[in-house]
């Protein structure tokens, strides 16, 4: 059984830009490092449909608006530093972007889809004038499982070791836990954990402020649009401030802002949705630092609880469904200290938004993040007022565990063709 600190290190980590092209850049950067040569001749990347879809049209940090897996792969080969994980492009410069564009123009960067692969899967092959190296990432966005140099294996993750509860295995362990078993981990929090959680609050709030900045031009500018209506008293303050700040952070992030956010369950947008609604409510009600941190911790735990069932990458929008449910639980717990009510809030939220599809990371994610954040507050409000759903009904089971299993079936079986169809539409 893992500890809460293990959970934070595995599931709550900084990410620069969208995590799918981030994983592409990381794999390419690791492969190039193995060659020990900067003279890159060719970059070939094979990805799952999920990675392809999510990285197709999203802004890449440091590129002044360039989008997609292709530029991420090229930059990973030229300036990526795999030591920074999902922030591997943090040192990207204008000169690197120019070289990357030239490499792409010459046809030396290729992205293709492996239709047999689902979830997180990236295999990058980097060829220099001296060597050829391959790096494979599987299951989670930073989980490098295999590296080769000139056909010889130089690194291979031991499957037996991974099954003994290593960091990469935490999502699998969560998959077998109940909501109550997982939620009790918040009792292990210490001051170091609180400080780390507030590091995430600061990072994600900085991204929101960038999206709200009058001088910025971020994506759809949904956050700014909603905040103007709040300021004019045309909308209720608290729920729409939650929507505005969450959407603004996604506005900035999806347009390629060069700021990291704290992710949740492998996604930066999940992290935005899981964190910002709670810290805004906490500020409004003057909650203590420890109370706020515990509520956000619960939000992260619930997000991972749901993502472990429906899949790391799935046809269902994790921002609205999983992270939104996490935020609903966190807000409820923040204002009541009642895990029973938090569980009710999750059920209410899921019954509302479970069918929303993910059609890839892009500027319209701000719409979905804003919706997930707003509806999380509404679900929490209903739960705090003692409202309960008459279950079972629809896909909702007698228990939250049964509900999440039903949701998993809907996502992995009922919607199994969604991603392949979306890739087909994108490639047209």
Foldseek 3Di string as FASTA:
>chain_A
DDALVLQCVQFKAKAAFWLLLLLLLLFLLVFLVVVVDLQWQAKEKEWALLSQQFQQAFAAAPQQQDGGSQLSNLLSSHQFDNVVRNCRCLVPHNVSSVVSVVCVVVVRYYYYYDHVDDAGWMWMWIDGPPWIKIWIADQASRRIAWIDIRPHTPHHDDPVVLVVDHSSCVLVVLQPDDLVVLLVSLVVDDPVLLVVLVVQVVQLQVLLVQLCDPPDDFFPSPLVVLVVCLVVVVDDNLLSPQLSSLLSSLSRSRSHHSGIHTGALRGRSLSSLLQRSLVSLCVVVVHDSSLSSSLSSQLSSQLSSLCSQQHSGWQWPSLQQRSLLSNLLSNLCSVPVDNVLSQQLNVVSCVPRLPHTDRYRHSCVSVRNSNSNSSSVVSSVCSNVVDGDDDDDDLRHPGVSSSSNSSNCCTCPVCVCVSVVSSVVVVD
